[in-house]
Each structure stands twice: as C-alpha cells, then as structure tokens.
C-alpha cells in the first residue's frame, strides 16, 4: 500500500512520517517545557533532574529529525543549551 501511495504522491510516505513525528515530538517538548519551568506540585514523585533529562531527550529528538539549519533545529539547539545548563546532561 505504501508503494502505491508513494508512486502517486508528490511526498513520500517516509517524508510524511518524518514530518508528523517531528511535529508531534515538538508539541511534546514544548508542553514538557511547561512542566519543567513550573514548580512541581507538593509530593510530585519525579525529581527535577529526571524531568530535565526527559526534556533534553525530547528536544534532542526534535533536533535530530529537523532539517539542518531549520528554525525547528535552531529552537531545539536553544532549548537544549538551557536545559543542559540546568543539569539535564
């Protein structure tokens, strides 16, 4: 089915998958930034360092999937620099 789709589409199924994965991961990363940048509720079970590491992993994937020199890669680079300074490795 994918071969048939690719034969008739100007955009390959792999490119569509990559773009959707990038869009979804960016939404996750931006949403997670809100969690990392707010004080956790009392008794929150995850230490802040764990939250920072998750945020780094999300932004790293955005960086890796985005086209080189794209605004998304630049956004990921900026967030990664901040998160790593805060201790997210």
N, C-alpha and C. Protein backbone atom coordinates (compact mmCIF):
# COMPACT_ATOMS: atom_id res chain seq x y z
N UNK A 1 0.82 -1.19 0.00
CA UNK A 1 0.00 0.00 0.00
C UNK A 1 0.87 1.26 0.00
N UNK A 2 1.94 1.23 0.78
CA UNK A 2 2.80 2.41 0.81
C UNK A 2 3.49 2.64 -0.53
N UNK A 3 3.87 1.57 -1.19
CA UNK A 3 4.49 1.71 -2.50
C UNK A 3 3.51 2.34 -3.49
N UNK A 4 2.26 1.93 -3.42
CA UNK A 4 1.24 2.54 -4.29
C UNK A 4 1.06 4.01 -3.95
N UNK A 5 1.01 4.31 -2.66
CA UNK A 5 0.88 5.71 -2.24
C UNK A 5 2.06 6.53 -2.74
N UNK A 6 3.27 6.02 -2.52
CA UNK A 6 4.47 6.75 -2.93
C UNK A 6 4.52 6.97 -4.43
N UNK A 7 4.01 6.02 -5.20
CA UNK A 7 4.02 6.15 -6.65
C UNK A 7 3.09 7.25 -7.14
N UNK A 8 2.06 7.55 -6.37
CA UNK A 8 1.09 8.55 -6.82
C UNK A 8 1.14 9.86 -6.05
N UNK A 9 2.01 9.96 -5.08
CA UNK A 9 2.06 11.15 -4.23
C UNK A 9 3.33 11.95 -4.49
N UNK A 10 3.22 13.28 -4.47
CA UNK A 10 4.44 14.08 -4.62
C UNK A 10 5.34 14.04 -3.37
N UNK A 11 4.77 13.59 -2.25
CA UNK A 11 5.53 13.48 -0.99
C UNK A 11 5.52 12.01 -0.57
N UNK A 12 6.69 11.48 -0.30
CA UNK A 12 6.78 10.06 0.07
C UNK A 12 6.19 9.81 1.46
N UNK A 13 5.79 8.59 1.68
CA UNK A 13 5.25 8.21 2.99
C UNK A 13 6.32 8.38 4.07
N UNK A 14 7.58 8.15 3.74
CA UNK A 14 8.66 8.34 4.72
C UNK A 14 8.78 9.80 5.11
N UNK A 15 8.65 10.71 4.15
CA UNK A 15 8.72 12.14 4.45
C UNK A 15 7.53 12.58 5.30
N UNK A 16 6.36 12.06 4.98
CA UNK A 16 5.17 12.38 5.78
C UNK A 16 5.35 11.88 7.20
N UNK A 17 5.83 10.65 7.34
CA UNK A 17 6.07 10.10 8.67
C UNK A 17 7.07 10.95 9.45
N UNK A 18 8.16 11.33 8.80
CA UNK A 18 9.18 12.14 9.46
C UNK A 18 8.61 13.47 9.91
N UNK A 19 7.84 14.13 9.04
CA UNK A 19 7.27 15.43 9.39
C UNK A 19 6.24 15.32 10.52
N UNK A 20 5.43 14.28 10.50
CA UNK A 20 4.45 14.09 11.58
C UNK A 20 5.14 13.75 12.89
N UNK A 21 6.19 12.93 12.82
CA UNK A 21 6.97 12.60 14.02
C UNK A 21 7.60 13.86 14.59
N UNK A 22 8.14 14.71 13.72
CA UNK A 22 8.75 15.96 14.15
C UNK A 22 7.71 16.88 14.80
N UNK A 23 6.57 17.00 14.16
CA UNK A 23 5.53 17.87 14.70
C UNK A 23 5.06 17.39 16.07
N UNK A 24 4.82 16.09 16.19
CA UNK A 24 4.36 15.53 17.45
C UNK A 24 5.41 15.68 18.54
N UNK A 25 6.67 15.38 18.22
CA UNK A 25 7.74 15.46 19.23
C UNK A 25 7.93 16.91 19.68
N UNK A 26 7.81 17.87 18.74
CA UNK A 26 7.94 19.28 19.12
C UNK A 26 6.82 19.68 20.07
N UNK A 27 5.60 19.23 19.79
CA UNK A 27 4.50 19.54 20.70
C UNK A 27 4.75 18.94 22.09
N UNK A 28 5.26 17.72 22.13
CA UNK A 28 5.59 17.11 23.42
C UNK A 28 6.68 17.91 24.13
N UNK A 29 7.72 18.28 23.40
CA UNK A 29 8.84 19.01 24.01
C UNK A 29 8.37 20.36 24.55
N UNK A 30 7.58 21.08 23.78
CA UNK A 30 7.11 22.39 24.24
C UNK A 30 6.18 22.25 25.44
N UNK A 31 5.33 21.25 25.42
CA UNK A 31 4.44 21.02 26.56
C UNK A 31 5.26 20.64 27.79
N UNK A 32 6.26 19.80 27.59
CA UNK A 32 7.09 19.38 28.72
C UNK A 32 7.88 20.55 29.28
N UNK A 33 8.24 21.51 28.43
CA UNK A 33 8.91 22.72 28.93
C UNK A 33 8.08 23.40 30.00
N UNK A 34 6.76 23.40 29.82
CA UNK A 34 5.89 23.99 30.82
C UNK A 34 5.97 23.27 32.15
N UNK A 35 6.13 21.96 32.10
CA UNK A 35 6.26 21.17 33.33
C UNK A 35 7.60 21.45 33.99
N UNK A 36 8.65 21.52 33.20
CA UNK A 36 10.00 21.73 33.74
C UNK A 36 10.15 23.13 34.31
N UNK A 37 9.50 24.11 33.69
CA UNK A 37 9.67 25.50 34.10
C UNK A 37 8.74 25.95 35.22
N UNK A 38 7.86 25.08 35.66
CA UNK A 38 6.96 25.42 36.77
C UNK A 38 7.37 24.59 37.99
N UNK A 39 7.13 25.14 39.16
CA UNK A 39 7.44 24.32 40.34
C UNK A 39 6.51 23.11 40.39
N UNK A 40 7.05 21.94 40.70
CA UNK A 40 6.19 20.76 40.76
C UNK A 40 5.21 20.86 41.93
N UNK A 41 4.08 20.22 41.80
CA UNK A 41 3.14 20.21 42.92
C UNK A 41 3.75 19.50 44.13
N UNK A 42 3.31 19.84 45.32
CA UNK A 42 3.84 19.16 46.51
C UNK A 42 3.70 17.64 46.38
N UNK A 43 4.76 16.95 46.72
CA UNK A 43 4.75 15.50 46.67
C UNK A 43 4.90 14.91 45.29
N UNK A 44 5.26 15.73 44.30
CA UNK A 44 5.43 15.22 42.94
C UNK A 44 6.50 14.15 42.97
N UNK A 45 6.24 12.97 42.37
CA UNK A 45 7.14 11.82 42.57
C UNK A 45 8.46 11.87 41.81
N UNK A 46 8.56 12.67 40.76
CA UNK A 46 9.79 12.66 39.96
C UNK A 46 10.70 13.82 40.36
N UNK A 47 11.97 13.54 40.63
CA UNK A 47 12.92 14.62 40.92
C UNK A 47 13.10 15.52 39.69
N UNK A 48 13.40 16.77 39.92
CA UNK A 48 13.57 17.74 38.83
C UNK A 48 14.62 17.28 37.82
N UNK A 49 15.68 16.66 38.26
CA UNK A 49 16.73 16.21 37.34
C UNK A 49 16.17 15.21 36.33
N UNK A 50 15.25 14.37 36.76
CA UNK A 50 14.62 13.42 35.84
C UNK A 50 13.77 14.16 34.80
N UNK A 51 13.08 15.19 35.24
CA UNK A 51 12.27 16.00 34.31
C UNK A 51 13.15 16.69 33.29
N UNK A 52 14.29 17.20 33.74
CA UNK A 52 15.23 17.84 32.82
C UNK A 52 15.75 16.84 31.79
N UNK A 53 16.04 15.65 32.23
CA UNK A 53 16.55 14.62 31.30
C UNK A 53 15.50 14.24 30.25
N UNK A 54 14.25 14.15 30.66
CA UNK A 54 13.19 13.86 29.71
C UNK A 54 13.06 15.00 28.70
N UNK A 55 13.11 16.23 29.18
CA UNK A 55 13.02 17.39 28.29
C UNK A 55 14.19 17.39 27.29
N UNK A 56 15.38 17.08 27.76
CA UNK A 56 16.54 17.01 26.86
C UNK A 56 16.32 15.94 25.80
N UNK A 57 15.82 14.78 26.19
CA UNK A 57 15.59 13.70 25.23
C UNK A 57 14.57 14.11 24.17
N UNK A 58 13.52 14.80 24.57
CA UNK A 58 12.50 15.25 23.61
C UNK A 58 13.08 16.27 22.64
N UNK A 59 13.77 17.28 23.18
CA UNK A 59 14.35 18.30 22.30
C UNK A 59 15.46 17.73 21.43
N UNK A 60 16.18 16.75 21.94
CA UNK A 60 17.23 16.11 21.13
C UNK A 60 16.61 15.41 19.92
N UNK A 61 15.48 14.77 20.13
CA UNK A 61 14.82 14.11 19.00
C UNK A 61 14.33 15.14 17.99
N UNK A 62 13.79 16.27 18.46
CA UNK A 62 13.40 17.34 17.54
C UNK A 62 14.62 17.77 16.73
N UNK A 63 15.72 17.99 17.41
CA UNK A 63 16.96 18.39 16.74
C UNK A 63 17.37 17.37 15.68
N UNK A 64 17.32 16.10 16.03
CA UNK A 64 17.78 15.04 15.14
C UNK A 64 16.88 14.84 13.92
N UNK A 65 15.59 15.08 14.07
CA UNK A 65 14.65 14.84 12.98
C UNK A 65 14.49 16.08 12.09
N UNK A 66 14.69 17.27 12.65
CA UNK A 66 14.52 18.51 11.87
C UNK A 66 15.61 18.65 10.82
N UNK A 67 15.26 19.34 9.76
CA UNK A 67 16.24 19.64 8.71
C UNK A 67 17.34 20.54 9.28
N UNK A 68 18.55 20.34 8.79
CA UNK A 68 19.69 21.16 9.23
C UNK A 68 19.39 22.63 8.95
N UNK A 69 19.74 23.47 9.87
CA UNK A 69 19.58 24.93 9.78
C UNK A 69 18.12 25.37 9.69
N UNK A 70 17.18 24.52 10.05
CA UNK A 70 15.77 24.92 10.05
C UNK A 70 15.46 25.66 11.35
N UNK A 71 14.40 26.46 11.36
CA UNK A 71 14.01 27.12 12.61
C UNK A 71 13.73 26.13 13.74
N UNK A 72 13.22 24.96 13.41
CA UNK A 72 12.96 23.96 14.46
C UNK A 72 14.26 23.44 15.07
N UNK A 73 15.27 23.25 14.23
CA UNK A 73 16.55 22.80 14.76
C UNK A 73 17.19 23.90 15.61
N UNK A 74 17.04 25.15 15.19
CA UNK A 74 17.56 26.27 15.98
C UNK A 74 16.84 26.36 17.32
N UNK A 75 15.51 26.18 17.31
CA UNK A 75 14.75 26.19 18.56
C UNK A 75 15.22 25.06 19.47
N UNK A 76 15.42 23.88 18.90
CA UNK A 76 15.88 22.74 19.70
C UNK A 76 17.27 23.02 20.27
N UNK A 77 18.16 23.58 19.47
CA UNK A 77 19.50 23.91 19.97
C UNK A 77 19.43 24.87 21.15
N UNK A 78 18.59 25.88 21.03
CA UNK A 78 18.46 26.87 22.12
C UNK A 78 17.93 26.21 23.39
N UNK A 79 16.88 25.39 23.26
CA UNK A 79 16.32 24.74 24.44
C UNK A 79 17.30 23.74 25.05
N UNK A 80 18.00 23.01 24.19
CA UNK A 80 18.98 22.05 24.71
C UNK A 80 20.08 22.74 25.50
N UNK A 81 20.54 23.88 25.02
CA UNK A 81 21.59 24.62 25.73
C UNK A 81 21.11 25.01 27.13
N UNK A 82 19.89 25.53 27.22
CA UNK A 82 19.33 25.95 28.51
C UNK A 82 19.16 24.76 29.43
N UNK A 83 18.53 23.71 28.91
CA UNK A 83 18.25 22.53 29.74
C UNK A 83 19.52 21.86 30.23
N UNK A 84 20.53 21.82 29.38
CA UNK A 84 21.79 21.19 29.79
C UNK A 84 22.50 22.04 30.85
N UNK A 85 22.41 23.35 30.74
CA UNK A 85 23.00 24.22 31.78
C UNK A 85 22.32 23.99 33.11
N UNK A 86 21.01 23.69 33.07
CA UNK A 86 20.25 23.45 34.30
C UNK A 86 20.51 22.07 34.89
N UNK A 87 21.31 21.26 34.20
CA UNK A 87 21.65 19.96 34.75
C UNK A 87 21.04 18.78 34.07
N UNK A 88 20.48 18.97 32.88
CA UNK A 88 19.85 17.87 32.17
C UNK A 88 20.80 17.03 31.35
N UNK A 89 22.09 17.19 31.57
CA UNK A 89 23.16 16.43 30.88
C UNK A 89 23.30 16.76 29.46
